[in-house]
Amino acid sequence: MAKATTIKVKLNSTADTGFYYVAKKNSRTMTEKLTMRKYDPVAKKHVEFKEGKIK
């Protein structure tokens, strides 16, 4: 059976609130770490979210 091309990644907030999003990423085309600017409801503002592993 072939390996899946998309993997799930955890986007952790850089505001250190503990809030995170779960996103899908194509591991073959996007080899670098994923970063997005999204809304953090705990900090009540838009902050940078960086990729981490799902345990």
C-alpha atoms as a PDB file:
ATOM      1  CA  MET A   1       0.000   0.000   0.000  1.00  0.00           C
ATOM      2  CA  ALA A   2       1.300   3.447  -0.906  1.00  0.00           C
ATOM      3  CA  LYS A   3       2.094   6.219   1.561  1.00  0.00           C
ATOM      4  CA  ALA A   4      -0.409   9.051   1.815  1.00  0.00           C
ATOM      5  CA  THR A   5       0.694  12.317   0.203  1.00  0.00           C
ATOM      6  CA  THR A   6      -1.162  14.520   2.677  1.00  0.00           C
ATOM      7  CA  ILE A   7      -0.346  14.566   6.363  1.00  0.00           C
ATOM      8  CA  LYS A   8      -2.037  16.314   9.267  1.00  0.00           C
ATOM      9  CA  VAL A   9      -0.015  18.982  11.049  1.00  0.00           C
ATOM     10  CA  LYS A  10      -0.682  20.973  14.186  1.00  0.00           C
ATOM     11  CA  LEU A  11      -0.423  24.752  13.887  1.00  0.00           C
ATOM     12  CA  ASN A  12       0.647  26.075  17.299  1.00  0.00           C
ATOM     13  CA  SER A  13       0.076  29.691  18.288  1.00  0.00           C
ATOM     14  CA  THR A  14       3.212  31.795  18.764  1.00  0.00           C
ATOM     15  CA  ALA A  15       1.364  33.831  21.421  1.00  0.00           C
ATOM     16  CA  ASP A  16       1.895  30.851  23.807  1.00  0.00           C
ATOM     17  CA  THR A  17      -1.795  30.504  24.626  1.00  0.00           C
ATOM     18  CA  GLY A  18      -1.911  26.760  23.945  1.00  0.00           C
ATOM     19  CA  PHE A  19      -4.430  27.239  21.127  1.00  0.00           C
ATOM     20  CA  TYR A  20      -3.857  25.316  17.898  1.00  0.00           C
ATOM     21  CA  TYR A  21      -5.384  24.516  14.521  1.00  0.00           C
ATOM     22  CA  VAL A  22      -5.124  21.218  12.629  1.00  0.00           C
ATOM     23  CA  ALA A  23      -4.343  21.483   8.918  1.00  0.00           C
ATOM     24  CA  LYS A  24      -3.535  19.158   6.029  1.00  0.00           C
ATOM     25  CA  LYS A  25      -0.289  19.522   4.124  1.00  0.00           C
ATOM     26  CA  ASN A  26       1.043  17.844   0.996  1.00  0.00           C
ATOM     27  CA  SER A  27       4.392  16.545   2.233  1.00  0.00           C
ATOM     28  CA  ARG A  28       5.805  16.011  -1.260  1.00  0.00           C
ATOM     29  CA  THR A  29       5.286  19.536  -2.619  1.00  0.00           C
ATOM     30  CA  MET A  30       5.596  21.555   0.615  1.00  0.00           C
ATOM     31  CA  THR A  31       8.789  20.348   2.272  1.00  0.00           C
ATOM     32  CA  GLU A  32       9.298  23.471   4.414  1.00  0.00           C
ATOM     33  CA  LYS A  33       7.505  24.158   7.694  1.00  0.00           C
ATOM     34  CA  LEU A  34       4.029  25.648   7.368  1.00  0.00           C
ATOM     35  CA  THR A  35       3.339  29.090   8.869  1.00  0.00           C
ATOM     36  CA  MET A  36       0.038  30.952   8.743  1.00  0.00           C
ATOM     37  CA  ARG A  37      -1.377  34.121  10.228  1.00  0.00           C
ATOM     38  CA  LYS A  38      -4.701  33.163  11.821  1.00  0.00           C
ATOM     39  CA  TYR A  39      -7.019  34.268  14.618  1.00  0.00           C
ATOM     40  CA  ASP A  40      -6.247  33.189  18.174  1.00  0.00           C
ATOM     41  CA  PRO A  41      -9.455  33.442  20.252  1.00  0.00           C
ATOM     42  CA  VAL A  42      -7.556  33.170  23.553  1.00  0.00           C
ATOM     43  CA  ALA A  43      -5.325  36.167  22.710  1.00  0.00           C
ATOM     44  CA  LYS A  44      -8.243  37.799  20.843  1.00  0.00           C
ATOM     45  CA  LYS A  45      -6.096  38.844  17.868  1.00  0.00           C
ATOM     46  CA  HIS A  46      -4.431  37.528  14.723  1.00  0.00           C
ATOM     47  CA  VAL A  47      -1.052  35.916  15.394  1.00  0.00           C
ATOM     48  CA  GLU A  48       1.458  33.712  13.566  1.00  0.00           C
ATOM     49  CA  PHE A  49       0.877  29.956  13.787  1.00  0.00           C
ATOM     50  CA  LYS A  50       3.805  27.584  13.178  1.00  0.00           C
ATOM     51  CA  GLU A  51       3.796  23.908  12.301  1.00  0.00           C
ATOM     52  CA  GLY A  52       4.321  21.215  14.901  1.00  0.00           C
ATOM     53  CA  LYS A  53       3.751  17.478  15.091  1.00  0.00           C
ATOM     54  CA  ILE A  54       0.505  15.832  16.138  1.00  0.00           C
ATOM     55  CA  LYS A  55       1.142  13.376  18.951  1.00  0.00           C
END
